Amino acid sequence: MRLIDWLTCSLADAYPWIQVLIIENSLRCVLSWTVEEAGYWAYHAARDYAERYDPHYGTGLIPESAPMVKAIVGFWCEYNGVEI
């Protein structure tokens, strides 16, 4: 379960809302006044993007999260010119 402002729901029921939350957190990152604030919102956007739910594992980074984590790592490696 995750608290999204005033609404508490399961991640499976909240999928469209999670996408909106990722966009909101990404915009907050881009519009941040400080590097620290931008990092905070970038972390939350990435976490919400990669987090999944499975009754066997619960909520968080689970095996189904691996492709999303790989995409995040790939983006930052390409952005910084690092070869994997």
Foldseek 3Di string as FASTA:
>chain_A
DDDDPPDDDDCVVCVVVLVVLLVVLCVQLVPPPDPVSNVVSVVVSLQSQQWDADPVVGIGRDPVSVVSVVVVVVVVCVVVVHDD
